[in-house]
Amino acid sequence: MKLVFFILTFFVTNNLIAKDKDFYNSIIENSRLSKLSEYLNASDLKEEILALEDITIFAPLDDAFAALSAKTYYGYLKEDNKDKLRNLLNFHFVEGKFNSKNVTSSINTVSLNGLDIEIKKVNGILYFNGAEVVESDIPFENGYIHLINRVLIPK
């Protein structure tokens, strides 16, 4: 009985703590999102995104960034490519709260950079423009983070 109580307390406490964090702290504290954190710091987007009421982030894992060539990865970090970096990041952010429960089939919406995106669920798995969501529904104070297996390059 004590074990059940401990487990329930652990999950409830973690969920409450997570909901008190903003998106930025949720990302920088996740060890699998260090490259996304680096990109966010270089982009100066933090305050713009913090000002949004509800947001869903499709966050590429570090492994997804590792699949980019070094030239591409570091190219986005150059000061003269800040607009490209901001465009790339904004492609992964969507206004509104989308989670695995409220996406039942396919939703077409627009990312923060104004490009069309599709969020869909197939056989219980979420996809964001074809990238697989490998972990979903990580809550923060005004939205959700979903970890994806690819960095999506806007066209």
C-alpha atoms as a PDB file:
ATOM      1  CA  MET A   1       0.000   0.000   0.000  1.00  0.00           C
ATOM      2  CA  LYS A   2       2.856   2.377   0.821  1.00  0.00           C
ATOM      3  CA  LEU A   3       4.394   1.705  -2.583  1.00  0.00           C
ATOM      4  CA  VAL A   4       1.156   2.594  -4.386  1.00  0.00           C
ATOM      5  CA  PHE A   5       0.881   5.821  -2.359  1.00  0.00           C
ATOM      6  CA  PHE A   6       4.508   6.692  -3.133  1.00  0.00           C
ATOM      7  CA  ILE A   7       4.043   6.108  -6.861  1.00  0.00           C
ATOM      8  CA  LEU A   8       0.854   8.192  -6.985  1.00  0.00           C
ATOM      9  CA  THR A   9       2.488  10.993  -4.982  1.00  0.00           C
ATOM     10  CA  PHE A  10       5.513  10.938  -7.282  1.00  0.00           C
ATOM     11  CA  PHE A  11       3.454  11.266 -10.473  1.00  0.00           C
ATOM     12  CA  VAL A  12       1.109  13.919  -9.101  1.00  0.00           C
ATOM     13  CA  THR A  13       4.010  15.980  -7.710  1.00  0.00           C
ATOM     14  CA  ASN A  14       5.997  15.735 -10.939  1.00  0.00           C
ATOM     15  CA  ASN A  15       2.968  16.771 -12.986  1.00  0.00           C
ATOM     16  CA  LEU A  16       2.283  19.770 -10.732  1.00  0.00           C
ATOM     17  CA  ILE A  17       5.923  20.871 -10.784  1.00  0.00           C
ATOM     18  CA  ALA A  18       6.049  20.551 -14.577  1.00  0.00           C
ATOM     19  CA  LYS A  19       2.944  22.668 -14.973  1.00  0.00           C
ATOM     20  CA  ASP A  20       4.628  25.461 -12.985  1.00  0.00           C
ATOM     21  CA  LYS A  21       7.523  25.637 -15.456  1.00  0.00           C
ATOM     22  CA  ASP A  22       7.515  27.642 -18.653  1.00  0.00           C
ATOM     23  CA  PHE A  23       8.454  26.079 -21.977  1.00  0.00           C
ATOM     24  CA  TYR A  24      12.013  27.394 -21.813  1.00  0.00           C
ATOM     25  CA  ASN A  25      12.864  25.870 -18.437  1.00  0.00           C
ATOM     26  CA  SER A  26      11.187  22.623 -19.450  1.00  0.00           C
ATOM     27  CA  ILE A  27      13.465  22.420 -22.490  1.00  0.00           C
ATOM     28  CA  ILE A  28      16.750  23.438 -20.866  1.00  0.00           C
ATOM     29  CA  GLU A  29      16.198  20.978 -18.005  1.00  0.00           C
ATOM     30  CA  ASN A  30      15.605  18.045 -20.381  1.00  0.00           C
ATOM     31  CA  SER A  31      18.959  16.358 -21.043  1.00  0.00           C
ATOM     32  CA  ARG A  32      17.703  15.029 -24.407  1.00  0.00           C
ATOM     33  CA  LEU A  33      17.046  18.574 -25.699  1.00  0.00           C
ATOM     34  CA  SER A  34      20.438  20.234 -25.207  1.00  0.00           C
ATOM     35  CA  LYS A  35      20.845  21.055 -28.906  1.00  0.00           C
ATOM     36  CA  LEU A  36      17.354  22.569 -29.082  1.00  0.00           C
ATOM     37  CA  SER A  37      18.255  24.595 -25.997  1.00  0.00           C
ATOM     38  CA  GLU A  38      21.398  25.820 -27.750  1.00  0.00           C
ATOM     39  CA  TYR A  39      19.344  26.871 -30.774  1.00  0.00           C
ATOM     40  CA  LEU A  40      16.776  28.651 -28.586  1.00  0.00           C
ATOM     41  CA  ASN A  41      19.488  30.602 -26.798  1.00  0.00           C
ATOM     42  CA  ALA A  42      21.017  31.692 -30.109  1.00  0.00           C
ATOM     43  CA  SER A  43      17.654  32.670 -31.625  1.00  0.00           C
ATOM     44  CA  ASP A  44      16.473  35.244 -29.063  1.00  0.00           C
ATOM     45  CA  LEU A  45      12.934  33.799 -29.386  1.00  0.00           C
ATOM     46  CA  LYS A  46      12.412  33.111 -25.692  1.00  0.00           C
ATOM     47  CA  GLU A  47      10.440  36.258 -24.818  1.00  0.00           C
ATOM     48  CA  GLU A  48       8.245  36.093 -27.944  1.00  0.00           C
ATOM     49  CA  ILE A  49       7.254  32.524 -27.198  1.00  0.00           C
ATOM     50  CA  LEU A  50       6.771  33.174 -23.480  1.00  0.00           C
ATOM     51  CA  ALA A  51       4.215  35.836 -24.436  1.00  0.00           C
ATOM     52  CA  LEU A  52       1.976  33.270 -26.168  1.00  0.00           C
ATOM     53  CA  GLU A  53      -1.061  32.072 -24.247  1.00  0.00           C
ATOM     54  CA  ASP A  54      -1.033  28.386 -25.309  1.00  0.00           C
ATOM     55  CA  ILE A  55       1.704  26.593 -27.204  1.00  0.00           C
ATOM     56  CA  THR A  56       2.624  23.108 -28.357  1.00  0.00           C
ATOM     57  CA  ILE A  57       6.248  22.354 -29.123  1.00  0.00           C
ATOM     58  CA  PHE A  58       7.408  19.524 -31.323  1.00  0.00           C
ATOM     59  CA  ALA A  59      10.951  19.300 -30.006  1.00  0.00           C
ATOM     60  CA  PRO A  60      13.610  17.467 -32.000  1.00  0.00           C
ATOM     61  CA  LEU A  61      15.743  15.212 -29.834  1.00  0.00           C
ATOM     62  CA  ASP A  62      19.509  15.633 -29.754  1.00  0.00           C
ATOM     63  CA  ASP A  63      19.753  12.505 -31.946  1.00  0.00           C
ATOM     64  CA  ALA A  64      17.632  14.304 -34.561  1.00  0.00           C
ATOM     65  CA  PHE A  65      20.046  17.240 -34.607  1.00  0.00           C
ATOM     66  CA  ALA A  66      22.956  14.789 -34.854  1.00  0.00           C
ATOM     67  CA  ALA A  67      21.497  13.587 -38.170  1.00  0.00           C
ATOM     68  CA  LEU A  68      22.090  17.062 -39.652  1.00  0.00           C
ATOM     69  CA  SER A  69      25.425  17.679 -41.301  1.00  0.00           C
ATOM     70  CA  ALA A  70      27.885  19.715 -39.225  1.00  0.00           C
ATOM     71  CA  LYS A  71      27.722  22.441 -41.868  1.00  0.00           C
ATOM     72  CA  THR A  72      23.936  22.660 -41.537  1.00  0.00           C
ATOM     73  CA  TYR A  73      23.890  22.426 -37.747  1.00  0.00           C
ATOM     74  CA  TYR A  74      26.548  25.074 -37.141  1.00  0.00           C
ATOM     75  CA  GLY A  75      25.373  27.165 -40.075  1.00  0.00           C
ATOM     76  CA  TYR A  76      22.135  27.928 -38.242  1.00  0.00           C
ATOM     77  CA  LEU A  77      24.150  29.158 -35.254  1.00  0.00           C
ATOM     78  CA  LYS A  78      25.976  31.846 -37.236  1.00  0.00           C
ATOM     79  CA  GLU A  79      24.862  35.355 -36.322  1.00  0.00           C
ATOM     80  CA  ASP A  80      24.077  36.234 -39.945  1.00  0.00           C
ATOM     81  CA  ASN A  81      21.719  33.216 -40.146  1.00  0.00           C
ATOM     82  CA  LYS A  82      19.567  34.214 -37.157  1.00  0.00           C
ATOM     83  CA  ASP A  83      16.484  34.709 -39.351  1.00  0.00           C
ATOM     84  CA  LYS A  84      16.891  31.181 -40.751  1.00  0.00           C
ATOM     85  CA  LEU A  85      17.334  29.821 -37.235  1.00  0.00           C
ATOM     86  CA  ARG A  86      14.200  31.588 -35.998  1.00  0.00           C
ATOM     87  CA  ASN A  87      12.256  30.278 -39.011  1.00  0.00           C
ATOM     88  CA  LEU A  88      13.459  26.726 -38.298  1.00  0.00           C
ATOM     89  CA  LEU A  89      12.489  26.900 -34.630  1.00  0.00           C
ATOM     90  CA  ASN A  90       9.134  28.551 -35.287  1.00  0.00           C
ATOM     91  CA  PHE A  91       8.312  25.692 -37.659  1.00  0.00           C
ATOM     92  CA  HIS A  92       8.333  23.371 -34.611  1.00  0.00           C
ATOM     93  CA  PHE A  93       6.003  25.552 -32.495  1.00  0.00           C
ATOM     94  CA  VAL A  94       2.212  25.679 -32.829  1.00  0.00           C
ATOM     95  CA  GLU A  95      -0.218  27.954 -31.005  1.00  0.00           C
ATOM     96  CA  GLY A  96      -2.764  25.945 -29.025  1.00  0.00           C
ATOM     97  CA  LYS A  97      -2.608  22.936 -26.743  1.00  0.00           C
ATOM     98  CA  PHE A  98      -2.380  19.725 -28.748  1.00  0.00           C
ATOM     99  CA  ASN A  99      -1.881  16.501 -26.842  1.00  0.00           C
ATOM    100  CA  SER A 100      -2.232  12.817 -27.560  1.00  0.00           C
ATOM    101  CA  LYS A 101      -5.794  12.826 -26.234  1.00  0.00           C
ATOM    102  CA  ASN A 102      -7.202  15.698 -28.310  1.00  0.00           C
ATOM    103  CA  VAL A 103      -5.615  14.600 -31.595  1.00  0.00           C
ATOM    104  CA  THR A 104      -7.778  11.727 -32.749  1.00  0.00           C
ATOM    105  CA  SER A 105      -7.016  11.563 -36.476  1.00  0.00           C
ATOM    106  CA  SER A 106      -5.571  14.484 -38.452  1.00  0.00           C
ATOM    107  CA  ILE A 107      -5.377  18.212 -37.731  1.00  0.00           C
ATOM    108  CA  ASN A 108      -4.126  20.779 -40.215  1.00  0.00           C
ATOM    109  CA  THR A 109      -2.910  24.001 -38.645  1.00  0.00           C
ATOM    110  CA  VAL A 110      -0.172  26.598 -39.001  1.00  0.00           C
ATOM    111  CA  SER A 111       3.190  26.778 -37.248  1.00  0.00           C
ATOM    112  CA  LEU A 112       4.480  30.015 -35.702  1.00  0.00           C
ATOM    113  CA  ASN A 113       6.368  30.808 -38.899  1.00  0.00           C
ATOM    114  CA  GLY A 114       3.101  30.684 -40.872  1.00  0.00           C
ATOM    115  CA  LEU A 115       3.692  27.409 -42.692  1.00  0.00           C
ATOM    116  CA  ASP A 116       1.081  24.667 -42.912  1.00  0.00           C
ATOM    117  CA  ILE A 117       1.630  21.633 -40.740  1.00  0.00           C
ATOM    118  CA  GLU A 118      -0.215  18.394 -40.093  1.00  0.00           C
ATOM    119  CA  ILE A 119      -0.562  16.710 -36.739  1.00  0.00           C
ATOM    120  CA  LYS A 120      -1.995  13.239 -37.019  1.00  0.00           C
ATOM    121  CA  LYS A 121      -2.432  10.058 -35.074  1.00  0.00           C
ATOM    122  CA  VAL A 122      -2.032   6.702 -36.788  1.00  0.00           C
ATOM    123  CA  ASN A 123      -2.406   3.479 -34.806  1.00  0.00           C
ATOM    124  CA  GLY A 124      -1.992   5.450 -31.568  1.00  0.00           C
ATOM    125  CA  ILE A 125       1.231   7.168 -32.674  1.00  0.00           C
ATOM    126  CA  LEU A 126       1.408  10.944 -33.140  1.00  0.00           C
ATOM    127  CA  TYR A 127       3.182  12.442 -36.144  1.00  0.00           C
ATOM    128  CA  PHE A 128       4.127  16.033 -36.845  1.00  0.00           C
ATOM    129  CA  ASN A 129       4.626  16.616 -40.585  1.00  0.00           C
ATOM    130  CA  GLY A 130       5.833  13.032 -40.881  1.00  0.00           C
ATOM    131  CA  ALA A 131       8.201  13.125 -37.882  1.00  0.00           C
ATOM    132  CA  GLU A 132       7.298  10.525 -35.280  1.00  0.00           C
ATOM    133  CA  VAL A 133       6.524  11.707 -31.768  1.00  0.00           C
ATOM    134  CA  VAL A 134       8.631   9.395 -29.599  1.00  0.00           C
ATOM    135  CA  GLU A 135       7.436  10.859 -26.288  1.00  0.00           C
ATOM    136  CA  SER A 136       4.287  12.911 -25.936  1.00  0.00           C
ATOM    137  CA  ASP A 137       2.411  15.134 -23.517  1.00  0.00           C
ATOM    138  CA  ILE A 138       5.241  16.612 -21.455  1.00  0.00           C
ATOM    139  CA  PRO A 139       3.316  19.379 -19.699  1.00  0.00           C
ATOM    140  CA  PHE A 140       4.458  22.885 -18.884  1.00  0.00           C
ATOM    141  CA  GLU A 141       2.464  25.838 -17.598  1.00  0.00           C
ATOM    142  CA  ASN A 142       0.714  26.749 -20.869  1.00  0.00           C
ATOM    143  CA  GLY A 143       1.155  23.804 -23.183  1.00  0.00           C
ATOM    144  CA  TYR A 144       2.833  20.558 -24.111  1.00  0.00           C
ATOM    145  CA  ILE A 145       6.144  19.378 -25.472  1.00  0.00           C
ATOM    146  CA  HIS A 146       6.299  16.364 -27.765  1.00  0.00           C
ATOM    147  CA  LEU A 147       9.706  14.871 -28.552  1.00  0.00           C
ATOM    148  CA  ILE A 148      10.201  14.076 -32.233  1.00  0.00           C
ATOM    149  CA  ASN A 149      12.755  12.017 -34.116  1.00  0.00           C
ATOM    150  CA  ARG A 150      13.622  14.556 -36.859  1.00  0.00           C
ATOM    151  CA  VAL A 151      14.488  18.183 -37.321  1.00  0.00           C
ATOM    152  CA  LEU A 152      12.029  19.544 -39.852  1.00  0.00           C
ATOM    153  CA  ILE A 153      13.518  22.080 -42.248  1.00  0.00           C
ATOM    154  CA  PRO A 154      10.947  24.631 -43.500  1.00  0.00           C
ATOM    155  CA  LYS A 155      10.771  25.072 -47.260  1.00  0.00           C
END
